[in-house]
Amino acid sequence: SLGDFPSRTDTLVSAAKAADRVMSYALADTCRRRGVSFGSLVL
């Protein structure tokens, strides 16, 4: 979960990581359709 600790890269990288998390939902659906388990952990 980027953005908790300020740095010069936070804004742009955090935006990319937010988009990446949205893509995880699509990946989870792909896994489900293929009979593949899916887990996620955000630290």
Full PDB file with SEQRES, HELIX, SHEET, SSBOND, CRYST1, ORIGX, SCALE, CONECT and MASTER records, all heavy atoms in Angstrom:
SEQRES   1 A   43  SER LEU GLY ASP PHE PRO SER ARG THR ASP THR LEU VAL          
SEQRES   2 A   43  SER ALA ALA LYS ALA ALA ASP ARG VAL MET SER TYR ALA          
SEQRES   3 A   43  LEU ALA ASP THR CYS ARG ARG ARG GLY VAL SER PHE GLY          
SEQRES   4 A   43  SER LEU VAL LEU                                              
HELIX    1 AA1 ASP A   10  ARG A   34  1                                  25    
CRYST1    1.000    1.000    1.000  90.00  90.00  90.00 P 1           1          
ORIGX1      1.000000  0.000000  0.000000        0.00000                         
ORIGX2      0.000000  1.000000  0.000000        0.00000                         
ORIGX3      0.000000  0.000000  1.000000        0.00000                         
SCALE1      1.000000  0.000000  0.000000        0.00000                         
SCALE2      0.000000  1.000000  0.000000        0.00000                         
SCALE3      0.000000  0.000000  1.000000        0.00000                         
ATOM      1  N   SER A   1       0.864  -1.176   0.000  1.00  0.00           N  
ATOM      2  CA  SER A   1       0.000   0.000   0.000  1.00  0.00           C  
ATOM      3  C   SER A   1       0.898   1.223   0.000  1.00  0.00           C  
ATOM      4  O   SER A   1       1.264   1.757   1.048  1.00  0.00           O  
ATOM      5  CB  SER A   1      -0.897  -0.001   1.238  1.00  0.00           C  
ATOM      6  OG  SER A   1      -1.668   1.169   1.303  1.00  0.00           O  
ATOM      7  N   LEU A   2       1.300   1.649  -1.194  1.00  0.00           N  
ATOM      8  CA  LEU A   2       2.216   2.780  -1.313  1.00  0.00           C  
ATOM      9  C   LEU A   2       1.484   4.088  -1.025  1.00  0.00           C  
ATOM     10  O   LEU A   2       0.282   4.202  -1.192  1.00  0.00           O  
ATOM     11  CB  LEU A   2       2.820   2.832  -2.716  1.00  0.00           C  
ATOM     12  CG  LEU A   2       3.746   1.675  -3.070  1.00  0.00           C  
ATOM     13  CD1 LEU A   2       4.194   1.791  -4.506  1.00  0.00           C  
ATOM     14  CD2 LEU A   2       4.949   1.639  -2.146  1.00  0.00           C  
ATOM     15  N   GLY A   3       2.231   5.088  -0.627  1.00  0.00           N  
ATOM     16  CA  GLY A   3       1.654   6.381  -0.337  1.00  0.00           C  
ATOM     17  C   GLY A   3       1.616   6.689   1.140  1.00  0.00           C  
ATOM     18  O   GLY A   3       1.343   7.820   1.547  1.00  0.00           O  
ATOM     19  N   ASP A   4       1.870   5.694   1.985  1.00  0.00           N  
ATOM     20  CA  ASP A   4       1.882   5.933   3.423  1.00  0.00           C  
ATOM     21  C   ASP A   4       3.131   6.709   3.855  1.00  0.00           C  
ATOM     22  O   ASP A   4       3.118   7.396   4.861  1.00  0.00           O  
ATOM     23  CB  ASP A   4       1.828   4.611   4.192  1.00  0.00           C  
ATOM     24  CG  ASP A   4       0.465   3.955   4.067  1.00  0.00           C  
ATOM     25  OD1 ASP A   4      -0.536   4.651   4.305  1.00  0.00           O  
ATOM     26  OD2 ASP A   4       0.402   2.763   3.733  1.00  0.00           O  
ATOM     27  N   PHE A   5       4.215   6.534   3.091  1.00  0.00           N  
ATOM     28  CA  PHE A   5       5.461   7.187   3.453  1.00  0.00           C  
ATOM     29  C   PHE A   5       5.881   8.102   2.304  1.00  0.00           C  
ATOM     30  O   PHE A   5       6.245   7.627   1.235  1.00  0.00           O  
ATOM     31  CB  PHE A   5       6.543   6.145   3.735  1.00  0.00           C  
ATOM     32  CG  PHE A   5       6.104   5.150   4.761  1.00  0.00           C  
ATOM     33  CD1 PHE A   5       5.748   3.866   4.388  1.00  0.00           C  
ATOM     34  CD2 PHE A   5       5.998   5.527   6.084  1.00  0.00           C  
ATOM     35  CE1 PHE A   5       5.317   2.961   5.337  1.00  0.00           C  
ATOM     36  CE2 PHE A   5       5.565   4.624   7.028  1.00  0.00           C  
ATOM     37  CZ  PHE A   5       5.220   3.339   6.661  1.00  0.00           C  
ATOM     38  N   PRO A   6       5.795   9.430   2.512  1.00  0.00           N  
ATOM     39  CA  PRO A   6       6.019  10.385   1.425  1.00  0.00           C  
ATOM     40  C   PRO A   6       7.383  10.231   0.773  1.00  0.00           C  
ATOM     41  O   PRO A   6       8.391  10.030   1.437  1.00  0.00           O  
ATOM     42  CB  PRO A   6       5.910  11.743   2.139  1.00  0.00           C  
ATOM     43  CG  PRO A   6       5.108  11.466   3.369  1.00  0.00           C  
ATOM     44  CD  PRO A   6       5.488  10.070   3.787  1.00  0.00           C  
ATOM     45  N   SER A   7       7.392  10.312  -0.535  1.00  0.00           N  
ATOM     46  CA  SER A   7       8.637  10.361  -1.295  1.00  0.00           C  
ATOM     47  C   SER A   7       8.313  10.983  -2.638  1.00  0.00           C  
ATOM     48  O   SER A   7       7.151  11.156  -2.997  1.00  0.00           O  
ATOM     49  CB  SER A   7       9.241   8.960  -1.483  1.00  0.00           C  
ATOM     50  OG  SER A   7       8.558   8.261  -2.498  1.00  0.00           O  
ATOM     51  N   ARG A   8       9.334  11.290  -3.390  1.00  0.00           N  
ATOM     52  CA  ARG A   8       9.104  11.969  -4.660  1.00  0.00           C  
ATOM     53  C   ARG A   8       8.419  11.077  -5.680  1.00  0.00           C  
ATOM     54  O   ARG A   8       7.888  11.545  -6.669  1.00  0.00           O  
ATOM     55  CB  ARG A   8      10.432  12.461  -5.224  1.00  0.00           C  
ATOM     56  CG  ARG A   8      11.425  11.332  -5.479  1.00  0.00           C  
ATOM     57  CD  ARG A   8      12.767  11.870  -5.909  1.00  0.00           C  
ATOM     58  NE  ARG A   8      13.754  10.807  -5.991  1.00  0.00           N  
ATOM     59  CZ  ARG A   8      15.020  11.018  -6.335  1.00  0.00           C  
ATOM     60  NH1 ARG A   8      15.417  12.222  -6.634  1.00  0.00           N  
ATOM     61  NH2 ARG A   8      15.868  10.007  -6.383  1.00  0.00           N  
ATOM     62  N   THR A   9       8.441   9.771  -5.475  1.00  0.00           N  
ATOM     63  CA  THR A   9       7.842   8.853  -6.442  1.00  0.00           C  
ATOM     64  C   THR A   9       6.432   8.421  -6.054  1.00  0.00           C  
ATOM     65  O   THR A   9       5.763   7.750  -6.816  1.00  0.00           O  
ATOM     66  CB  THR A   9       8.704   7.589  -6.591  1.00  0.00           C  
ATOM     67  OG1 THR A   9       8.729   6.904  -5.346  1.00  0.00           O  
ATOM     68  CG2 THR A   9      10.112   7.937  -7.020  1.00  0.00           C  
ATOM     69  N   ASP A  10       5.973   8.793  -4.853  1.00  0.00           N  
ATOM     70  CA  ASP A  10       4.723   8.236  -4.343  1.00  0.00           C  
ATOM     71  C   ASP A  10       3.524   8.473  -5.256  1.00  0.00           C  
ATOM     72  O   ASP A  10       2.753   7.567  -5.514  1.00  0.00           O  
ATOM     73  CB  ASP A  10       4.401   8.809  -2.961  1.00  0.00           C  
ATOM     74  CG  ASP A  10       5.044   7.989  -1.840  1.00  0.00           C  
ATOM     75  OD1 ASP A  10       5.581   6.906  -2.124  1.00  0.00           O  
ATOM     76  OD2 ASP A  10       4.995   8.448  -0.698  1.00  0.00           O  
ATOM     77  N   THR A  11       3.345   9.709  -5.726  1.00  0.00           N  
ATOM     78  CA  THR A  11       2.123  10.048  -6.453  1.00  0.00           C  
ATOM     79  C   THR A  11       1.956   9.192  -7.694  1.00  0.00           C  
ATOM     80  O   THR A  11       0.922   8.550  -7.897  1.00  0.00           O  
ATOM     81  CB  THR A  11       2.126  11.535  -6.838  1.00  0.00           C  
ATOM     82  OG1 THR A  11       2.240  12.320  -5.658  1.00  0.00           O  
ATOM     83  CG2 THR A  11       0.833  11.890  -7.557  1.00  0.00           C  
ATOM     84  N   LEU A  12       2.973   9.160  -8.533  1.00  0.00           N  
ATOM     85  CA  LEU A  12       2.875   8.434  -9.794  1.00  0.00           C  
ATOM     86  C   LEU A  12       2.841   6.920  -9.577  1.00  0.00           C  
ATOM     87  O   LEU A  12       2.022   6.210 -10.161  1.00  0.00           O  
ATOM     88  CB  LEU A  12       4.044   8.806 -10.702  1.00  0.00           C  
ATOM     89  CG  LEU A  12       4.008   8.278 -12.131  1.00  0.00           C  
ATOM     90  CD1 LEU A  12       2.728   8.713 -12.830  1.00  0.00           C  
ATOM     91  CD2 LEU A  12       5.218   8.771 -12.909  1.00  0.00           C  
ATOM     92  N   VAL A  13       3.719   6.412  -8.719  1.00  0.00           N  
ATOM     93  CA  VAL A  13       3.764   4.974  -8.482  1.00  0.00           C  
ATOM     94  C   VAL A  13       2.489   4.509  -7.787  1.00  0.00           C  
ATOM     95  O   VAL A  13       1.945   3.450  -8.103  1.00  0.00           O  
ATOM     96  CB  VAL A  13       5.007   4.594  -7.656  1.00  0.00           C  
ATOM     97  CG1 VAL A  13       4.998   3.103  -7.322  1.00  0.00           C  
ATOM     98  CG2 VAL A  13       6.276   4.945  -8.427  1.00  0.00           C  
ATOM     99  N   SER A  14       1.990   5.296  -6.841  1.00  0.00           N  
ATOM    100  CA  SER A  14       0.758   4.922  -6.164  1.00  0.00           C  
ATOM    101  C   SER A  14      -0.406   4.847  -7.140  1.00  0.00           C  
ATOM    102  O   SER A  14      -1.270   3.975  -7.033  1.00  0.00           O  
ATOM    103  CB  SER A  14       0.438   5.930  -5.051  1.00  0.00           C  
ATOM    104  OG  SER A  14       1.398   5.867  -4.026  1.00  0.00           O  
ATOM    105  N   ALA A  15      -0.445   5.760  -8.100  1.00  0.00           N  
ATOM    106  CA  ALA A  15      -1.502   5.717  -9.113  1.00  0.00           C  
ATOM    107  C   ALA A  15      -1.409   4.439  -9.935  1.00  0.00           C  
ATOM    108  O   ALA A  15      -2.419   3.781 -10.219  1.00  0.00           O  
ATOM    109  CB  ALA A  15      -1.397   6.936 -10.031  1.00  0.00           C  
ATOM    110  N   ALA A  16      -0.183   4.047 -10.280  1.00  0.00           N  
ATOM    111  CA  ALA A  16       0.011   2.814 -11.039  1.00  0.00           C  
ATOM    112  C   ALA A  16      -0.396   1.604 -10.219  1.00  0.00           C  
ATOM    113  O   ALA A  16      -1.023   0.664 -10.720  1.00  0.00           O  
ATOM    114  CB  ALA A  16       1.470   2.703 -11.480  1.00  0.00           C  
ATOM    115  N   LYS A  17      -0.040   1.606  -8.933  1.00  0.00           N  
ATOM    116  CA  LYS A  17      -0.371   0.461  -8.094  1.00  0.00           C  
ATOM    117  C   LYS A  17      -1.882   0.365  -7.855  1.00  0.00           C  
ATOM    118  O   LYS A  17      -2.431  -0.727  -7.735  1.00  0.00           O  
ATOM    119  CB  LYS A  17       0.360   0.563  -6.748  1.00  0.00           C  
ATOM    120  CG  LYS A  17       1.865   0.565  -6.877  1.00  0.00           C  
ATOM    121  CD  LYS A  17       2.398  -0.725  -7.444  1.00  0.00           C  
ATOM    122  CE  LYS A  17       2.602  -1.757  -6.383  1.00  0.00           C  
ATOM    123  NZ  LYS A  17       3.262  -2.976  -6.908  1.00  0.00           N  
ATOM    124  N   ALA A  18      -2.555   1.520  -7.791  1.00  0.00           N  
ATOM    125  CA  ALA A  18      -4.008   1.496  -7.657  1.00  0.00           C  
ATOM    126  C   ALA A  18      -4.640   0.855  -8.880  1.00  0.00           C  
ATOM    127  O   ALA A  18      -5.568   0.036  -8.775  1.00  0.00           O  
ATOM    128  CB  ALA A  18      -4.541   2.914  -7.458  1.00  0.00           C  
ATOM    129  N   ALA A  19      -4.137   1.204 -10.062  1.00  0.00           N  
ATOM    130  CA  ALA A  19      -4.636   0.581 -11.288  1.00  0.00           C  
ATOM    131  C   ALA A  19      -4.342  -0.913 -11.286  1.00  0.00           C  
ATOM    132  O   ALA A  19      -5.159  -1.730 -11.729  1.00  0.00           O  
ATOM    133  CB  ALA A  19      -3.990   1.254 -12.505  1.00  0.00           C  
ATOM    134  N   ASP A  20      -3.187  -1.282 -10.754  1.00  0.00           N  
ATOM    135  CA  ASP A  20      -2.804  -2.686 -10.693  1.00  0.00           C  
ATOM    136  C   ASP A  20      -3.754  -3.476  -9.799  1.00  0.00           C  
ATOM    137  O   ASP A  20      -4.113  -4.612 -10.088  1.00  0.00           O  
ATOM    138  CB  ASP A  20      -1.371  -2.790 -10.172  1.00  0.00           C  
ATOM    139  CG  ASP A  20      -0.865  -4.224 -10.156  1.00  0.00           C  
ATOM    140  OD1 ASP A  20      -0.953  -4.885 -11.200  1.00  0.00           O  
ATOM    141  OD2 ASP A  20      -0.396  -4.674  -9.107  1.00  0.00           O  
ATOM    142  N   ARG A  21      -4.193  -2.871  -8.717  1.00  0.00           N  
ATOM    143  CA  ARG A  21      -5.125  -3.569  -7.828  1.00  0.00           C  
ATOM    144  C   ARG A  21      -6.465  -3.818  -8.512  1.00  0.00           C  
ATOM    145  O   ARG A  21      -7.088  -4.872  -8.328  1.00  0.00           O  
ATOM    146  CB  ARG A  21      -5.344  -2.753  -6.551  1.00  0.00           C  
ATOM    147  CG  ARG A  21      -4.130  -2.714  -5.663  1.00  0.00           C  
ATOM    148  CD  ARG A  21      -4.506  -2.173  -4.310  1.00  0.00           C  
ATOM    149  NE  ARG A  21      -3.336  -1.634  -3.638  1.00  0.00           N  
ATOM    150  CZ  ARG A  21      -3.388  -0.975  -2.496  1.00  0.00           C  
ATOM    151  NH1 ARG A  21      -4.552  -0.761  -1.921  1.00  0.00           N  
ATOM    152  NH2 ARG A  21      -2.294  -0.519  -1.926  1.00  0.00           N  
ATOM    153  N   VAL A  22      -6.904  -2.845  -9.287  1.00  0.00           N  
ATOM    154  CA  VAL A  22      -8.149  -3.047 -10.036  1.00  0.00           C  
ATOM    155  C   VAL A  22      -7.994  -4.218 -11.002  1.00  0.00           C  
ATOM    156  O   VAL A  22      -8.896  -5.046 -11.163  1.00  0.00           O  
ATOM    157  CB  VAL A  22      -8.530  -1.760 -10.801  1.00  0.00           C  
ATOM    158  CG1 VAL A  22      -9.718  -2.021 -11.716  1.00  0.00           C  
ATOM    159  CG2 VAL A  22      -8.865  -0.644  -9.819  1.00  0.00           C  
ATOM    160  N   MET A  23      -6.813  -4.317 -11.638  1.00  0.00           N  
ATOM    161  CA  MET A  23      -6.570  -5.415 -12.565  1.00  0.00           C  
ATOM    162  C   MET A  23      -6.558  -6.763 -11.843  1.00  0.00           C  
ATOM    163  O   MET A  23      -6.825  -7.796 -12.445  1.00  0.00           O  
ATOM    164  CB  MET A  23      -5.244  -5.191 -13.299  1.00  0.00           C  
ATOM    165  CG  MET A  23      -5.280  -4.008 -14.251  1.00  0.00           C  
ATOM    166  SD  MET A  23      -3.730  -3.802 -15.151  1.00  0.00           S  
ATOM    167  CE  MET A  23      -3.749  -5.254 -16.178  1.00  0.00           C  
ATOM    168  N   SER A  24      -6.272  -6.757 -10.532  1.00  0.00           N  
ATOM    169  CA  SER A  24      -6.278  -8.006  -9.777  1.00  0.00           C  
ATOM    170  C   SER A  24      -7.663  -8.641  -9.759  1.00  0.00           C  
ATOM    171  O   SER A  24      -7.784  -9.866  -9.729  1.00  0.00           O  
ATOM    172  CB  SER A  24      -5.810  -7.768  -8.336  1.00  0.00           C  
ATOM    173  OG  SER A  24      -4.419  -7.847  -8.243  1.00  0.00           O  
ATOM    174  N   TYR A  25      -8.698  -7.809  -9.751  1.00  0.00           N  
ATOM    175  CA  TYR A  25     -10.051  -8.354  -9.745  1.00  0.00           C  
ATOM    176  C   TYR A  25     -10.329  -9.123 -11.042  1.00  0.00           C  
ATOM    177  O   TYR A  25     -10.952 -10.184 -11.030  1.00  0.00           O  
ATOM    178  CB  TYR A  25     -11.073  -7.238  -9.549  1.00  0.00           C  
ATOM    179  CG  TYR A  25     -11.020  -6.628  -8.176  1.00  0.00           C  
ATOM    180  CD1 TYR A  25     -10.421  -5.393  -7.968  1.00  0.00           C  
ATOM    181  CD2 TYR A  25     -11.544  -7.294  -7.077  1.00  0.00           C  
ATOM    182  CE1 TYR A  25     -10.355  -4.834  -6.701  1.00  0.00           C  
ATOM    183  CE2 TYR A  25     -11.482  -6.737  -5.802  1.00  0.00           C  
ATOM    184  CZ  TYR A  25     -10.889  -5.501  -5.626  1.00  0.00           C  
ATOM    185  OH  TYR A  25     -10.824  -4.960  -4.376  1.00  0.00           O  
ATOM    186  N   ALA A  26      -9.846  -8.569 -12.159  1.00  0.00           N  
ATOM    187  CA  ALA A  26     -10.004  -9.267 -13.433  1.00  0.00           C  
ATOM    188  C   ALA A  26      -9.186 -10.552 -13.440  1.00  0.00           C  
ATOM    189  O   ALA A  26      -9.636 -11.590 -13.944  1.00  0.00           O  
ATOM    190  CB  ALA A  26      -9.571  -8.350 -14.583  1.00  0.00           C  
ATOM    191  N   LEU A  27      -7.986 -10.507 -12.868  1.00  0.00           N  
ATOM    192  CA  LEU A  27      -7.151 -11.701 -12.802  1.00  0.00           C  
ATOM    193  C   LEU A  27      -7.814 -12.773 -11.946  1.00  0.00           C  
ATOM    194  O   LEU A  27      -7.787 -13.959 -12.285  1.00  0.00           O  
ATOM    195  CB  LEU A  27      -5.783 -11.350 -12.223  1.00  0.00           C  
ATOM    196  CG  LEU A  27      -4.817 -12.523 -12.046  1.00  0.00           C  
ATOM    197  CD1 LEU A  27      -4.433 -13.111 -13.388  1.00  0.00           C  
ATOM    198  CD2 LEU A  27      -3.563 -12.071 -11.283  1.00  0.00           C  
ATOM    199  N   ALA A  28      -8.425 -12.357 -10.835  1.00  0.00           N  
ATOM    200  CA  ALA A  28      -9.113 -13.313  -9.969  1.00  0.00           C  
ATOM    201  C   ALA A  28     -10.239 -14.012 -10.719  1.00  0.00           C  
ATOM    202  O   ALA A  28     -10.455 -15.217 -10.563  1.00  0.00           O  
ATOM    203  CB  ALA A  28      -9.668 -12.595  -8.740  1.00  0.00           C  
ATOM    204  N   ASP A  29     -10.948 -13.266 -11.562  1.00  0.00           N  
ATOM    205  CA  ASP A  29     -12.026 -13.868 -12.330  1.00  0.00           C  
ATOM    206  C   ASP A  29     -11.475 -14.850 -13.358  1.00  0.00           C  
ATOM    207  O   ASP A  29     -12.045 -15.932 -13.572  1.00  0.00           O  
ATOM    208  CB  ASP A  29     -12.832 -12.773 -13.029  1.00  0.00           C  
ATOM    209  CG  ASP A  29     -14.055 -13.320 -13.744  1.00  0.00           C  
ATOM    210  OD1 ASP A  29     -14.921 -13.909 -13.070  1.00  0.00           O  
ATOM    211  OD2 ASP A  29     -14.134 -13.175 -14.978  1.00  0.00           O  
ATOM    212  N   THR A  30     -10.355 -14.499 -13.985  1.00  0.00           N  
ATOM    213  CA  THR A  30      -9.711 -15.408 -14.930  1.00  0.00           C  
ATOM    214  C   THR A  30      -9.294 -16.697 -14.227  1.00  0.00           C  
ATOM    215  O   THR A  30      -9.492 -17.803 -14.749  1.00  0.00           O  
ATOM    216  CB  THR A  30      -8.480 -14.740 -15.564  1.00  0.00           C  
ATOM    217  OG1 THR A  30      -8.884 -13.563 -16.265  1.00  0.00           O  
ATOM    218  CG2 THR A  30      -7.775 -15.691 -16.531  1.00  0.00           C  
ATOM    219  N   CYS A  31      -8.712 -16.562 -13.037  1.00  0.00           N  
ATOM    220  CA  CYS A  31      -8.309 -17.746 -12.269  1.00  0.00           C  
ATOM    221  C   CYS A  31      -9.521 -18.620 -11.955  1.00  0.00           C  
ATOM    222  O   CYS A  31      -9.473 -19.850 -12.088  1.00  0.00           O  
ATOM    223  CB  CYS A  31      -7.622 -17.321 -10.974  1.00  0.00           C  
ATOM    224  SG  CYS A  31      -5.967 -16.635 -11.184  1.00  0.00           S  
ATOM    225  N   ARG A  32     -10.606 -17.993 -11.544  1.00  0.00           N  
ATOM    226  CA  ARG A  32     -11.815 -18.745 -11.187  1.00  0.00           C  
ATOM    227  C   ARG A  32     -12.306 -19.565 -12.371  1.00  0.00           C  
ATOM    228  O   ARG A  32     -12.655 -20.738 -12.229  1.00  0.00           O  
ATOM    229  CB  ARG A  32     -12.903 -17.778 -10.722  1.00  0.00           C  
ATOM    230  CG  ARG A  32     -14.227 -18.456 -10.376  1.00  0.00           C  
ATOM    231  CD  ARG A  32     -15.281 -17.417 -10.027  1.00  0.00           C  
ATOM    232  NE  ARG A  32     -15.475 -16.468 -11.094  1.00  0.00           N  
ATOM    233  CZ  ARG A  32     -16.204 -16.706 -12.198  1.00  0.00           C  
ATOM    234  NH1 ARG A  32     -16.789 -17.885 -12.346  1.00  0.00           N  
ATOM    235  NH2 ARG A  32     -16.341 -15.785 -13.128  1.00  0.00           N  
ATOM    236  N   ARG A  33     -12.327 -18.949 -13.544  1.00  0.00           N  
ATOM    237  CA  ARG A  33     -12.833 -19.646 -14.733  1.00  0.00           C  
ATOM    238  C   ARG A  33     -11.931 -20.794 -15.152  1.00  0.00           C  
ATOM    239  O   ARG A  33     -12.395 -21.745 -15.784  1.00  0.00           O  
ATOM    240  CB  ARG A  33     -13.018 -18.646 -15.887  1.00  0.00           C  
ATOM    241  CG  ARG A  33     -14.214 -17.715 -15.686  1.00  0.00           C  
ATOM    242  CD  ARG A  33     -14.489 -16.836 -16.889  1.00  0.00           C  
ATOM    243  NE  ARG A  33     -13.616 -15.674 -16.926  1.00  0.00           N  
ATOM    244  CZ  ARG A  33     -12.596 -15.519 -17.744  1.00  0.00           C  
ATOM    245  NH1 ARG A  33     -12.292 -16.483 -18.611  1.00  0.00           N  
ATOM    246  NH2 ARG A  33     -11.861 -14.423 -17.729  1.00  0.00           N  
ATOM    247  N   ARG A  34     -10.646 -20.714 -14.803  1.00  0.00           N  
ATOM    248  CA  ARG A  34      -9.708 -21.776 -15.177  1.00  0.00           C  
ATOM    249  C   ARG A  34      -9.518 -22.815 -14.072  1.00  0.00           C  
ATOM    250  O   ARG A  34      -8.721 -23.722 -14.216  1.00  0.00           O  
ATOM    251  CB  ARG A  34      -8.349 -21.160 -15.545  1.00  0.00           C  
ATOM    252  CG  ARG A  34      -8.363 -20.408 -16.868  1.00  0.00           C  
ATOM    253  CD  ARG A  34      -6.948 -20.051 -17.297  1.00  0.00           C  
ATOM    254  NE  ARG A  34      -6.079 -21.224 -17.371  1.00  0.00           N  
ATOM    255  CZ  ARG A  34      -6.020 -22.069 -18.391  1.00  0.00           C  
ATOM    256  NH1 ARG A  34      -6.800 -21.870 -19.438  1.00  0.00           N  
ATOM    257  NH2 ARG A  34      -5.182 -23.089 -18.376  1.00  0.00           N  
ATOM    258  N   GLY A  35     -10.245 -22.664 -12.961  1.00  0.00           N  
ATOM    259  CA  GLY A  35     -10.097 -23.619 -11.869  1.00  0.00           C  
ATOM    260  C   GLY A  35      -8.820 -23.437 -11.089  1.00  0.00           C  
ATOM    261  O   GLY A  35      -8.274 -24.387 -10.515  1.00  0.00           O  
ATOM    262  N   VAL A  36      -8.318 -22.195 -11.064  1.00  0.00           N  
ATOM    263  CA  VAL A  36      -7.080 -21.861 -10.352  1.00  0.00           C  
ATOM    264  C   VAL A  36      -7.443 -21.024  -9.125  1.00  0.00           C  
ATOM    265  O   VAL A  36      -8.188 -20.058  -9.225  1.00  0.00           O  
ATOM    266  CB  VAL A  36      -6.121 -21.069 -11.270  1.00  0.00           C  
ATOM    267  CG1 VAL A  36      -4.902 -20.574 -10.491  1.00  0.00           C  
ATOM    268  CG2 VAL A  36      -5.683 -21.933 -12.450  1.00  0.00           C  
ATOM    269  N   SER A  37      -6.917 -21.403  -7.962  1.00  0.00           N  
ATOM    270  CA  SER A  37      -7.166 -20.628  -6.744  1.00  0.00           C  
ATOM    271  C   SER A  37      -6.483 -19.274  -6.841  1.00  0.00           C  
ATOM    272  O   SER A  37      -5.448 -19.123  -7.483  1.00  0.00           O  
ATOM    273  CB  SER A  37      -6.622 -21.368  -5.524  1.00  0.00           C  
ATOM    274  OG  SER A  37      -7.243 -22.620  -5.367  1.00  0.00           O  
ATOM    275  N   PHE A  38      -7.068 -18.281  -6.172  1.00  0.00           N  
ATOM    276  CA  PHE A  38      -6.484 -16.944  -6.187  1.00  0.00           C  
ATOM    277  C   PHE A  38      -6.511 -16.362  -4.777  1.00  0.00           C  
ATOM    278  O   PHE A  38      -7.523 -16.423  -4.099  1.00  0.00           O  
ATOM    279  CB  PHE A  38      -7.259 -16.013  -7.123  1.00  0.00           C  
ATOM    280  CG  PHE A  38      -6.707 -14.611  -7.159  1.00  0.00           C  
ATOM    281  CD1 PHE A  38      -5.644 -14.292  -7.975  1.00  0.00           C  
ATOM    282  CD2 PHE A  38      -7.253 -13.618  -6.353  1.00  0.00           C  
ATOM    283  CE1 PHE A  38      -5.128 -13.009  -8.007  1.00  0.00           C  
ATOM    284  CE2 PHE A  38      -6.734 -12.329  -6.373  1.00  0.00           C  
ATOM    285  CZ  PHE A  38      -5.673 -12.017  -7.202  1.00  0.00           C  
ATOM    286  N   GLY A  39      -5.384 -15.827  -4.348  1.00  0.00           N  
ATOM    287  CA  GLY A  39      -5.303 -15.166  -3.051  1.00  0.00           C  
ATOM    288  C   GLY A  39      -4.573 -13.851  -3.193  1.00  0.00           C  
ATOM    289  O   GLY A  39      -3.772 -13.665  -4.116  1.00  0.00           O  
ATOM    290  N   SER A  40      -4.860 -12.912  -2.308  1.00  0.00           N  
ATOM    291  CA  SER A  40      -4.160 -11.633  -2.355  1.00  0.00           C  
ATOM    292  C   SER A  40      -3.876 -11.148  -0.946  1.00  0.00           C  
ATOM    293  O   SER A  40      -4.654 -11.381  -0.019  1.00  0.00           O  
ATOM    294  CB  SER A  40      -4.989 -10.589  -3.106  1.00  0.00           C  
ATOM    295  OG  SER A  40      -6.232 -10.375  -2.455  1.00  0.00           O  
ATOM    296  N   LEU A  41      -2.751 -10.493  -0.793  1.00  0.00           N  
ATOM    297  CA  LEU A  41      -2.350  -9.956   0.497  1.00  0.00           C  
ATOM    298  C   LEU A  41      -1.737  -8.585   0.251  1.00  0.00           C  
ATOM    299  O   LEU A  41      -0.840  -8.437  -0.569  1.00  0.00           O  
ATOM    300  CB  LEU A  41      -1.344 -10.894   1.162  1.00  0.00           C  
ATOM    301  CG  LEU A  41      -0.884 -10.541   2.581  1.00  0.00           C  
ATOM    302  CD1 LEU A  41      -0.577 -11.817   3.353  1.00  0.00           C  
ATOM    303  CD2 LEU A  41       0.344  -9.645   2.557  1.00  0.00           C  
ATOM    304  N   VAL A  42      -2.267  -7.579   0.927  1.00  0.00           N  
ATOM    305  CA  VAL A  42      -1.743  -6.220   0.804  1.00  0.00           C  
ATOM    306  C   VAL A  42      -1.105  -5.839   2.128  1.00  0.00           C  
ATOM    307  O   VAL A  42      -1.728  -5.937   3.174  1.00  0.00           O  
ATOM    308  CB  VAL A  42      -2.860  -5.211   0.461  1.00  0.00           C  
ATOM    309  CG1 VAL A  42      -2.293  -3.786   0.420  1.00  0.00           C  
ATOM    310  CG2 VAL A  42      -3.488  -5.547  -0.888  1.00  0.00           C  
ATOM    311  N   LEU A  43       0.154  -5.422   2.070  1.00  0.00           N  
ATOM    312  CA  LEU A  43       0.825  -5.005   3.291  1.00  0.00           C  
ATOM    313  C   LEU A  43       1.302  -3.568   3.136  1.00  0.00           C  
ATOM    314  O   LEU A  43       1.577  -3.115   2.028  1.00  0.00           O  
ATOM    315  CB  LEU A  43       2.009  -5.917   3.603  1.00  0.00           C  
ATOM    316  CG  LEU A  43       3.022  -6.114   2.483  1.00  0.00           C  
ATOM    317  CD1 LEU A  43       4.413  -5.690   2.946  1.00  0.00           C  
ATOM    318  CD2 LEU A  43       3.034  -7.573   2.065  1.00  0.00           C  
TER     319      LEU A  43                                                      
MASTER        0    0    0    1    0    0    0    6  318    1    0    4          
END                                                                             
